[in-house]
Amino acid sequence: MPAFFGRQGGPRQRVADLSRHSNAEGTTSATWLAVDADAGQLEALLPRGFQVQEPVLIVEAASLRDLPWLAGRGYELVSVVVPVVFTVGRRPVRGRLELVTWENLADPIISGREELGFNKVYADEIAYRCEPSRHSVSWNVGWGGTRFLEFEVTDLAPNPSEQTQTWRSGPTFHYRVLARTGEWGALEVEQVTANTEAPAEMTPVLSQSGRGSVRFSTATFEQLPTLAHIVNALAAAARDEVIGAGHSELRGWSDLRDMRIVADWPVAPAVVHDLSD
């Protein structure tokens, strides 16, 4: 929306003039770490069909640059996901469930929520700092002057043979809902979406592993009126032990065109209200 003018601009709308903004362009600096978490706190967050695979919170951050769909601009994002088992019919599938993604630009938030089902929200501070001389990277995330997430990966060293942990494999699931207008608290749409294949347009340039640290800071309603319930739930779930961390540099970008609906629950009958005088 607004739908009057055709489809909204976004990553799934390819740039027509490739001589101006080639789809081969785009670079990504990506940082991740996994922190031990309380299984009970995680289970309380999950919607139907999901179970915790391992009691871990995975924090993933990316600085995206030279994106053709933004005419060469970029933005930053930070996601928190949890390893899960999702049962589709009778077949359990192991993967990751995205709990929340913060981004510092509205345009990818809008298109990602509407088209893909990502649980994206806004943060006006997502600060990425890379210090090659110290072999470290750090991230700070905040809103309205309140910083609620800080994490760092130090002692970075090349690790081209890094094995993929079980909690980093499989599809990434997204729980997609749409509120029903006029029936506050009810849902119009309740779905699960997921990617069906690995991003083919991302080429690793550098892969490193290191030691990580992370802190979720609790906040009051006055500090984070639209985010405190999210941040405080994650702070309650996260523990102190970081069990893995790393950083990568990648070339290219993914438009996530492979996202599909993998579960769709009907939640409301069709209604037409008489608006005549």
C-alpha atoms as a PDB file:
ATOM      1  CA  MET A   1       0.000   0.000   0.000  1.00  0.00           C
ATOM      2  CA  PRO A   2      -0.844   2.509  -1.315  1.00  0.00           C
ATOM      3  CA  ALA A   3      -2.070   0.128  -4.007  1.00  0.00           C
ATOM      4  CA  PHE A   4      -3.471   2.818  -6.307  1.00  0.00           C
ATOM      5  CA  PHE A   5      -0.101   3.319  -7.998  1.00  0.00           C
ATOM      6  CA  GLY A   6       0.939  -0.291  -8.606  1.00  0.00           C
ATOM      7  CA  ARG A   7       3.365  -2.483  -6.705  1.00  0.00           C
ATOM      8  CA  GLN A   8       5.542  -0.780  -4.116  1.00  0.00           C
ATOM      9  CA  GLY A   9       9.227  -0.386  -4.865  1.00  0.00           C
ATOM     10  CA  GLY A  10      11.356  -3.002  -3.153  1.00  0.00           C
ATOM     11  CA  PRO A  11      13.882  -5.826  -3.538  1.00  0.00           C
ATOM     12  CA  ARG A  12      11.489  -8.059  -5.533  1.00  0.00           C
ATOM     13  CA  GLN A  13      11.057  -5.362  -8.197  1.00  0.00           C
ATOM     14  CA  ARG A  14      14.167  -5.712 -10.350  1.00  0.00           C
ATOM     15  CA  VAL A  15      15.928  -2.634 -11.662  1.00  0.00           C
ATOM     16  CA  ALA A  16      15.085  -2.252 -15.355  1.00  0.00           C
ATOM     17  CA  ASP A  17      18.176  -0.298 -16.426  1.00  0.00           C
ATOM     18  CA  LEU A  18      21.073  -2.593 -15.445  1.00  0.00           C
ATOM     19  CA  SER A  19      23.610  -0.102 -16.819  1.00  0.00           C
ATOM     20  CA  ARG A  20      22.690   2.259 -13.969  1.00  0.00           C
ATOM     21  CA  HIS A  21      22.343  -0.160 -11.029  1.00  0.00           C
ATOM     22  CA  SER A  22      23.510  -3.686 -11.776  1.00  0.00           C
ATOM     23  CA  ASN A  23      21.854  -6.539  -9.898  1.00  0.00           C
ATOM     24  CA  ALA A  24      25.350  -7.991  -9.419  1.00  0.00           C
ATOM     25  CA  GLU A  25      26.249  -5.123  -7.117  1.00  0.00           C
ATOM     26  CA  GLY A  26      25.839  -5.021  -3.374  1.00  0.00           C
ATOM     27  CA  THR A  27      28.100  -5.936  -0.456  1.00  0.00           C
ATOM     28  CA  THR A  28      27.346  -7.213   3.029  1.00  0.00           C
ATOM     29  CA  SER A  29      29.225  -7.154   6.324  1.00  0.00           C
ATOM     30  CA  ALA A  30      27.587  -9.787   8.541  1.00  0.00           C
ATOM     31  CA  THR A  31      28.159 -10.571  12.219  1.00  0.00           C
ATOM     32  CA  TRP A  32      26.577 -13.348  14.265  1.00  0.00           C
ATOM     33  CA  LEU A  33      26.738 -14.825  17.728  1.00  0.00           C
ATOM     34  CA  ALA A  34      24.807 -17.470  19.650  1.00  0.00           C
ATOM     35  CA  VAL A  35      24.048 -17.072  23.348  1.00  0.00           C
ATOM     36  CA  ASP A  36      22.716 -19.673  25.754  1.00  0.00           C
ATOM     37  CA  ALA A  37      19.058 -19.055  26.659  1.00  0.00           C
ATOM     38  CA  ASP A  38      16.338 -20.250  29.014  1.00  0.00           C
ATOM     39  CA  ALA A  39      14.255 -22.929  27.263  1.00  0.00           C
ATOM     40  CA  GLY A  40      11.079 -22.096  29.183  1.00  0.00           C
ATOM     41  CA  GLN A  41      11.291 -18.403  28.287  1.00  0.00           C
ATOM     42  CA  LEU A  42      11.782 -19.287  24.615  1.00  0.00           C
ATOM     43  CA  GLU A  43       8.908 -21.774  24.523  1.00  0.00           C
ATOM     44  CA  ALA A  44       6.592 -19.087  25.883  1.00  0.00           C
ATOM     45  CA  LEU A  45       7.313 -16.937  22.817  1.00  0.00           C
ATOM     46  CA  LEU A  46       6.625 -19.539  20.126  1.00  0.00           C
ATOM     47  CA  PRO A  47       3.370 -19.774  18.152  1.00  0.00           C
ATOM     48  CA  ARG A  48       1.567 -23.005  17.333  1.00  0.00           C
ATOM     49  CA  GLY A  49       3.481 -25.703  15.486  1.00  0.00           C
ATOM     50  CA  PHE A  50       6.900 -24.687  16.854  1.00  0.00           C
ATOM     51  CA  GLN A  51       9.135 -26.247  19.482  1.00  0.00           C
ATOM     52  CA  VAL A  52      12.574 -25.167  20.673  1.00  0.00           C
ATOM     53  CA  GLN A  53      15.281 -27.275  19.038  1.00  0.00           C
ATOM     54  CA  GLU A  54      18.110 -25.913  21.197  1.00  0.00           C
ATOM     55  CA  PRO A  55      17.860 -23.259  23.970  1.00  0.00           C
ATOM     56  CA  VAL A  56      19.871 -20.654  22.065  1.00  0.00           C
ATOM     57  CA  LEU A  57      19.271 -17.098  20.909  1.00  0.00           C
ATOM     58  CA  ILE A  58      21.117 -16.230  17.701  1.00  0.00           C
ATOM     59  CA  VAL A  59      21.830 -12.557  17.094  1.00  0.00           C
ATOM     60  CA  GLU A  60      22.653 -11.725  13.478  1.00  0.00           C
ATOM     61  CA  ALA A  61      23.542  -8.293  12.116  1.00  0.00           C
ATOM     62  CA  ALA A  62      24.299  -7.001   8.641  1.00  0.00           C
ATOM     63  CA  SER A  63      25.407  -3.767   7.046  1.00  0.00           C
ATOM     64  CA  LEU A  64      24.108  -3.769   3.465  1.00  0.00           C
ATOM     65  CA  ARG A  65      25.650  -1.406   0.921  1.00  0.00           C
ATOM     66  CA  ASP A  66      25.330  -0.492  -2.786  1.00  0.00           C
ATOM     67  CA  LEU A  67      21.897  -2.080  -3.161  1.00  0.00           C
ATOM     68  CA  PRO A  68      20.501  -1.704  -6.689  1.00  0.00           C
ATOM     69  CA  TRP A  69      16.875  -1.546  -5.516  1.00  0.00           C
ATOM     70  CA  LEU A  70      17.819   1.482  -3.376  1.00  0.00           C
ATOM     71  CA  ALA A  71      19.791   3.093  -6.224  1.00  0.00           C
ATOM     72  CA  GLY A  72      23.088   2.340  -4.483  1.00  0.00           C
ATOM     73  CA  ARG A  73      22.037   3.159  -0.929  1.00  0.00           C
ATOM     74  CA  GLY A  74      22.145   0.763   2.019  1.00  0.00           C
ATOM     75  CA  TYR A  75      21.001   0.170   5.592  1.00  0.00           C
ATOM     76  CA  GLU A  76      21.689  -1.923   8.681  1.00  0.00           C
ATOM     77  CA  LEU A  77      19.688  -4.677  10.344  1.00  0.00           C
ATOM     78  CA  VAL A  78      19.861  -6.835  13.470  1.00  0.00           C
ATOM     79  CA  SER A  79      17.815 -10.043  13.830  1.00  0.00           C
ATOM     80  CA  VAL A  80      17.185 -12.403  16.733  1.00  0.00           C
ATOM     81  CA  VAL A  81      16.281 -15.982  15.817  1.00  0.00           C
ATOM     82  CA  VAL A  82      15.858 -19.245  17.717  1.00  0.00           C
ATOM     83  CA  PRO A  83      16.533 -22.847  16.543  1.00  0.00           C
ATOM     84  CA  VAL A  84      13.196 -24.621  16.222  1.00  0.00           C
ATOM     85  CA  VAL A  85      11.396 -27.688  14.989  1.00  0.00           C
ATOM     86  CA  PHE A  86       8.260 -26.858  12.985  1.00  0.00           C
ATOM     87  CA  THR A  87       5.750 -29.586  12.292  1.00  0.00           C
ATOM     88  CA  VAL A  88       4.067 -29.173   8.904  1.00  0.00           C
ATOM     89  CA  GLY A  89       1.374 -31.860   8.788  1.00  0.00           C
ATOM     90  CA  ARG A  90       3.136 -34.904  10.204  1.00  0.00           C
ATOM     91  CA  ARG A  91       6.637 -34.019   9.023  1.00  0.00           C
ATOM     92  CA  PRO A  92       8.901 -32.107  11.459  1.00  0.00           C
ATOM     93  CA  VAL A  93      11.337 -29.649   9.870  1.00  0.00           C
ATOM     94  CA  ARG A  94      14.379 -28.258  11.681  1.00  0.00           C
ATOM     95  CA  GLY A  95      15.218 -24.612  11.093  1.00  0.00           C
ATOM     96  CA  ARG A  96      15.231 -21.184  12.689  1.00  0.00           C
ATOM     97  CA  LEU A  97      12.352 -18.893  13.682  1.00  0.00           C
ATOM     98  CA  GLU A  98      12.877 -15.141  13.334  1.00  0.00           C
ATOM     99  CA  LEU A  99      11.576 -13.483  16.500  1.00  0.00           C
ATOM    100  CA  VAL A 100      12.345  -9.881  15.555  1.00  0.00           C
ATOM    101  CA  THR A 101      14.425  -7.837  13.125  1.00  0.00           C
ATOM    102  CA  TRP A 102      15.377  -4.209  13.697  1.00  0.00           C
ATOM    103  CA  GLU A 103      16.243  -2.034  10.699  1.00  0.00           C
ATOM    104  CA  ASN A 104      17.230   1.622  10.464  1.00  0.00           C
ATOM    105  CA  LEU A 105      15.356   2.340   7.229  1.00  0.00           C
ATOM    106  CA  ALA A 106      11.571   2.261   6.811  1.00  0.00           C
ATOM    107  CA  ASP A 107      11.437   1.078   3.181  1.00  0.00           C
ATOM    108  CA  PRO A 108      12.764  -2.493   3.696  1.00  0.00           C
ATOM    109  CA  ILE A 109      10.680  -2.771   6.879  1.00  0.00           C
ATOM    110  CA  ILE A 110       7.455  -2.041   4.999  1.00  0.00           C
ATOM    111  CA  SER A 111       8.146  -4.339   2.038  1.00  0.00           C
ATOM    112  CA  GLY A 112       9.543  -7.112   4.250  1.00  0.00           C
ATOM    113  CA  ARG A 113       6.530  -7.134   6.571  1.00  0.00           C
ATOM    114  CA  GLU A 114       3.907  -6.954   3.815  1.00  0.00           C
ATOM    115  CA  GLU A 115       5.446  -9.206   1.161  1.00  0.00           C
ATOM    116  CA  LEU A 116       7.483 -11.710   3.187  1.00  0.00           C
ATOM    117  CA  GLY A 117       6.054 -11.813   6.702  1.00  0.00           C
ATOM    118  CA  PHE A 118       9.247 -10.689   8.457  1.00  0.00           C
ATOM    119  CA  ASN A 119       8.699  -9.386  12.003  1.00  0.00           C
ATOM    120  CA  LYS A 120      10.502  -6.117  11.300  1.00  0.00           C
ATOM    121  CA  VAL A 121      10.486  -3.013  13.494  1.00  0.00           C
ATOM    122  CA  TYR A 122      12.377   0.266  13.481  1.00  0.00           C
ATOM    123  CA  ALA A 123      15.508   1.283  15.389  1.00  0.00           C
ATOM    124  CA  ASP A 124      16.919   4.742  14.776  1.00  0.00           C
ATOM    125  CA  GLU A 125      20.372   3.666  16.005  1.00  0.00           C
ATOM    126  CA  ILE A 126      22.096   0.641  14.529  1.00  0.00           C
ATOM    127  CA  ALA A 127      25.788   1.462  14.777  1.00  0.00           C
ATOM    128  CA  TYR A 128      28.314  -0.908  13.212  1.00  0.00           C
ATOM    129  CA  ARG A 129      32.014  -0.493  13.964  1.00  0.00           C
ATOM    130  CA  CYS A 130      34.811  -2.557  12.455  1.00  0.00           C
ATOM    131  CA  GLU A 131      38.324  -2.278  13.909  1.00  0.00           C
ATOM    132  CA  PRO A 132      40.708  -4.427  11.844  1.00  0.00           C
ATOM    133  CA  SER A 133      43.694  -3.475  13.992  1.00  0.00           C
ATOM    134  CA  ARG A 134      41.920  -4.933  17.038  1.00  0.00           C
ATOM    135  CA  HIS A 135      40.426  -7.850  15.085  1.00  0.00           C
ATOM    136  CA  SER A 136      36.980  -6.933  16.345  1.00  0.00           C
ATOM    137  CA  VAL A 137      33.542  -5.732  15.284  1.00  0.00           C
ATOM    138  CA  SER A 138      30.823  -4.223  17.469  1.00  0.00           C
ATOM    139  CA  TRP A 139      27.159  -3.291  17.145  1.00  0.00           C
ATOM    140  CA  ASN A 140      24.881  -1.000  19.171  1.00  0.00           C
ATOM    141  CA  VAL A 141      21.107  -0.841  18.727  1.00  0.00           C
ATOM    142  CA  GLY A 142      18.787   1.797  20.178  1.00  0.00           C
ATOM    143  CA  TRP A 143      15.636   3.847  19.791  1.00  0.00           C
ATOM    144  CA  GLY A 144      14.876   7.388  20.920  1.00  0.00           C
ATOM    145  CA  GLY A 145      18.151   7.714  22.817  1.00  0.00           C
ATOM    146  CA  THR A 146      17.794   4.413  24.695  1.00  0.00           C
ATOM    147  CA  ARG A 147      20.351   1.757  23.756  1.00  0.00           C
ATOM    148  CA  PHE A 148      18.916  -1.711  24.384  1.00  0.00           C
ATOM    149  CA  LEU A 149      21.267  -4.125  22.607  1.00  0.00           C
ATOM    150  CA  GLU A 150      25.066  -4.204  22.454  1.00  0.00           C
ATOM    151  CA  PHE A 151      27.252  -7.008  21.161  1.00  0.00           C
ATOM    152  CA  GLU A 152      30.839  -7.506  20.064  1.00  0.00           C
ATOM    153  CA  VAL A 153      32.984 -10.174  18.445  1.00  0.00           C
ATOM    154  CA  THR A 154      36.711 -10.018  19.236  1.00  0.00           C
ATOM    155  CA  ASP A 155      39.828 -12.076  18.448  1.00  0.00           C
ATOM    156  CA  LEU A 156      38.612 -12.561  14.899  1.00  0.00           C
ATOM    157  CA  ALA A 157      40.658 -14.970  12.806  1.00  0.00           C
ATOM    158  CA  PRO A 158      40.064 -16.571   9.393  1.00  0.00           C
ATOM    159  CA  ASN A 159      38.180 -19.831   9.627  1.00  0.00           C
ATOM    160  CA  PRO A 160      37.380 -21.075   6.118  1.00  0.00           C
ATOM    161  CA  SER A 161      36.689 -24.618   7.335  1.00  0.00           C
ATOM    162  CA  GLU A 162      34.095 -23.595   9.932  1.00  0.00           C
ATOM    163  CA  GLN A 163      31.450 -26.273  10.304  1.00  0.00           C
ATOM    164  CA  THR A 164      27.788 -25.246  10.158  1.00  0.00           C
ATOM    165  CA  GLN A 165      26.190 -25.768  13.549  1.00  0.00           C
ATOM    166  CA  THR A 166      22.785 -27.448  13.626  1.00  0.00           C
ATOM    167  CA  TRP A 167      21.177 -24.212  14.824  1.00  0.00           C
ATOM    168  CA  ARG A 168      22.458 -22.355  11.759  1.00  0.00           C
ATOM    169  CA  SER A 169      21.054 -24.804   9.206  1.00  0.00           C
ATOM    170  CA  GLY A 170      17.637 -25.312   7.651  1.00  0.00           C
ATOM    171  CA  PRO A 171      15.023 -22.786   6.516  1.00  0.00           C
ATOM    172  CA  THR A 172      14.306 -19.573   8.373  1.00  0.00           C
ATOM    173  CA  PHE A 173      10.638 -19.386   9.415  1.00  0.00           C
ATOM    174  CA  HIS A 174       8.571 -16.233   9.904  1.00  0.00           C
ATOM    175  CA  TYR A 175       5.264 -15.963  11.780  1.00  0.00           C
ATOM    176  CA  ARG A 176       3.080 -13.619   9.741  1.00  0.00           C
ATOM    177  CA  VAL A 177      -0.050 -12.009  11.183  1.00  0.00           C
ATOM    178  CA  LEU A 178      -2.352  -9.166  10.186  1.00  0.00           C
ATOM    179  CA  ALA A 179      -4.728  -7.544  12.634  1.00  0.00           C
ATOM    180  CA  ARG A 180      -8.457  -7.525  11.876  1.00  0.00           C
ATOM    181  CA  THR A 181      -9.762  -3.967  11.658  1.00  0.00           C
ATOM    182  CA  GLY A 182     -12.597  -3.216  14.076  1.00  0.00           C
ATOM    183  CA  GLU A 183     -12.111  -6.389  16.095  1.00  0.00           C
ATOM    184  CA  TRP A 184      -9.149  -5.297  18.189  1.00  0.00           C
ATOM    185  CA  GLY A 185      -7.006  -8.231  19.261  1.00  0.00           C
ATOM    186  CA  ALA A 186      -8.361 -10.544  16.538  1.00  0.00           C
ATOM    187  CA  LEU A 187      -6.383 -11.644  13.481  1.00  0.00           C
ATOM    188  CA  GLU A 188      -7.212 -11.386   9.787  1.00  0.00           C
ATOM    189  CA  VAL A 189      -4.180 -13.408   8.664  1.00  0.00           C
ATOM    190  CA  GLU A 190      -2.146 -16.059  10.500  1.00  0.00           C
ATOM    191  CA  GLN A 191       0.561 -17.765   8.465  1.00  0.00           C
ATOM    192  CA  VAL A 192       4.063 -19.194   8.561  1.00  0.00           C
ATOM    193  CA  THR A 193       6.394 -18.270   5.716  1.00  0.00           C
ATOM    194  CA  ALA A 194       9.877 -19.640   4.995  1.00  0.00           C
ATOM    195  CA  ASN A 195      12.673 -19.505   2.473  1.00  0.00           C
ATOM    196  CA  THR A 196      12.893 -22.575   0.258  1.00  0.00           C
ATOM    197  CA  GLU A 197      16.542 -22.418  -0.784  1.00  0.00           C
ATOM    198  CA  ALA A 198      19.838 -20.823   0.168  1.00  0.00           C
ATOM    199  CA  PRO A 199      20.459 -17.305  -1.222  1.00  0.00           C
ATOM    200  CA  ALA A 200      22.222 -17.907  -4.512  1.00  0.00           C
ATOM    201  CA  GLU A 201      23.358 -14.335  -5.072  1.00  0.00           C
ATOM    202  CA  MET A 202      25.634 -14.074  -2.005  1.00  0.00           C
ATOM    203  CA  THR A 203      29.334 -14.892  -2.486  1.00  0.00           C
ATOM    204  CA  PRO A 204      31.517 -15.220   0.648  1.00  0.00           C
ATOM    205  CA  VAL A 205      34.697 -13.123   0.499  1.00  0.00           C
ATOM    206  CA  LEU A 206      35.953 -13.576   4.080  1.00  0.00           C
ATOM    207  CA  SER A 207      34.834 -15.859   6.909  1.00  0.00           C
ATOM    208  CA  GLN A 208      36.085 -15.374  10.476  1.00  0.00           C
ATOM    209  CA  SER A 209      35.326 -16.762  13.916  1.00  0.00           C
ATOM    210  CA  GLY A 210      35.953 -15.153  17.282  1.00  0.00           C
ATOM    211  CA  ARG A 211      34.777 -14.633  20.832  1.00  0.00           C
ATOM    212  CA  GLY A 212      31.498 -12.869  21.447  1.00  0.00           C
ATOM    213  CA  SER A 213      29.720 -10.891  24.152  1.00  0.00           C
ATOM    214  CA  VAL A 214      26.148  -9.587  24.156  1.00  0.00           C
ATOM    215  CA  ARG A 215      23.872  -7.583  26.440  1.00  0.00           C
ATOM    216  CA  PHE A 216      20.139  -6.940  26.218  1.00  0.00           C
ATOM    217  CA  SER A 217      19.226  -4.027  28.495  1.00  0.00           C
ATOM    218  CA  THR A 218      15.737  -3.939  29.997  1.00  0.00           C
ATOM    219  CA  ALA A 219      13.713  -0.770  29.484  1.00  0.00           C
ATOM    220  CA  THR A 220      10.641   0.980  30.803  1.00  0.00           C
ATOM    221  CA  PHE A 221       7.580   1.944  28.782  1.00  0.00           C
ATOM    222  CA  GLU A 222       8.708   5.566  28.925  1.00  0.00           C
ATOM    223  CA  GLN A 223      12.079   4.639  27.397  1.00  0.00           C
ATOM    224  CA  LEU A 224      10.796   2.276  24.684  1.00  0.00           C
ATOM    225  CA  PRO A 225       7.008   2.677  24.419  1.00  0.00           C
ATOM    226  CA  THR A 226       6.716   0.412  21.353  1.00  0.00           C
ATOM    227  CA  LEU A 227       9.658  -1.922  21.961  1.00  0.00           C
ATOM    228  CA  ALA A 228       9.951  -2.524  25.725  1.00  0.00           C
ATOM    229  CA  HIS A 229       7.835  -5.698  25.614  1.00  0.00           C
ATOM    230  CA  ILE A 230      10.156  -7.173  22.954  1.00  0.00           C
ATOM    231  CA  VAL A 231      13.442  -6.133  24.527  1.00  0.00           C
ATOM    232  CA  ASN A 232      12.468  -7.201  28.041  1.00  0.00           C
ATOM    233  CA  ALA A 233      11.340 -10.649  26.871  1.00  0.00           C
ATOM    234  CA  LEU A 234      14.664 -11.205  25.103  1.00  0.00           C
ATOM    235  CA  ALA A 235      16.596  -9.929  28.131  1.00  0.00           C
ATOM    236  CA  ALA A 236      14.727 -12.408  30.333  1.00  0.00           C
ATOM    237  CA  ALA A 237      15.537 -15.297  27.973  1.00  0.00           C
ATOM    238  CA  ALA A 238      19.232 -14.575  27.247  1.00  0.00           C
ATOM    239  CA  ARG A 239      21.989 -15.968  29.467  1.00  0.00           C
ATOM    240  CA  ASP A 240      25.611 -14.862  29.768  1.00  0.00           C
ATOM    241  CA  GLU A 241      27.406 -17.675  27.923  1.00  0.00           C
ATOM    242  CA  VAL A 242      28.146 -17.008  24.252  1.00  0.00           C
ATOM    243  CA  ILE A 243      28.702 -20.375  22.580  1.00  0.00           C
ATOM    244  CA  GLY A 244      29.781 -19.222  19.137  1.00  0.00           C
ATOM    245  CA  ALA A 245      30.509 -16.037  17.175  1.00  0.00           C
ATOM    246  CA  GLY A 246      31.841 -14.908  13.828  1.00  0.00           C
ATOM    247  CA  HIS A 247      31.944 -12.311  11.083  1.00  0.00           C
ATOM    248  CA  SER A 248      31.791 -12.509   7.288  1.00  0.00           C
ATOM    249  CA  GLU A 249      32.202 -10.246   4.296  1.00  0.00           C
ATOM    250  CA  LEU A 250      30.039 -11.112   1.308  1.00  0.00           C
ATOM    251  CA  ARG A 251      29.532  -9.859  -2.231  1.00  0.00           C
ATOM    252  CA  GLY A 252      26.113  -9.628  -3.846  1.00  0.00           C
ATOM    253  CA  TRP A 253      22.669  -9.492  -2.291  1.00  0.00           C
ATOM    254  CA  SER A 254      19.506 -11.569  -2.031  1.00  0.00           C
ATOM    255  CA  ASP A 255      15.988 -10.399  -2.872  1.00  0.00           C
ATOM    256  CA  LEU A 256      14.465 -13.345  -0.923  1.00  0.00           C
ATOM    257  CA  ARG A 257      12.220 -14.115  -3.877  1.00  0.00           C
ATOM    258  CA  ASP A 258      12.133 -17.763  -2.767  1.00  0.00           C
ATOM    259  CA  MET A 259       9.921 -17.045   0.283  1.00  0.00           C
ATOM    260  CA  ARG A 260       6.761 -19.176   0.405  1.00  0.00           C
ATOM    261  CA  ILE A 261       3.735 -19.694   2.659  1.00  0.00           C
ATOM    262  CA  VAL A 262       4.224 -23.042   4.412  1.00  0.00           C
ATOM    263  CA  ALA A 263       1.222 -22.872   6.774  1.00  0.00           C
ATOM    264  CA  ASP A 264      -1.976 -20.854   6.520  1.00  0.00           C
ATOM    265  CA  TRP A 265      -4.658 -20.944   9.211  1.00  0.00           C
ATOM    266  CA  PRO A 266      -8.094 -19.471   8.394  1.00  0.00           C
ATOM    267  CA  VAL A 267      -9.006 -17.111  11.203  1.00  0.00           C
ATOM    268  CA  ALA A 268     -12.115 -15.161  10.170  1.00  0.00           C
ATOM    269  CA  PRO A 269     -15.125 -15.553   7.854  1.00  0.00           C
ATOM    270  CA  ALA A 270     -15.735 -13.108   5.030  1.00  0.00           C
ATOM    271  CA  VAL A 271     -17.814 -10.131   6.160  1.00  0.00           C
ATOM    272  CA  VAL A 272     -19.492  -7.353   4.137  1.00  0.00           C
ATOM    273  CA  HIS A 273     -20.967  -4.556   6.261  1.00  0.00           C
ATOM    274  CA  ASP A 274     -23.863  -2.481   5.023  1.00  0.00           C
ATOM    275  CA  LEU A 275     -22.727   1.164   5.026  1.00  0.00           C
ATOM    276  CA  SER A 276     -25.930   2.609   3.568  1.00  0.00           C
ATOM    277  CA  ASP A 277     -27.704   5.447   5.409  1.00  0.00           C
END
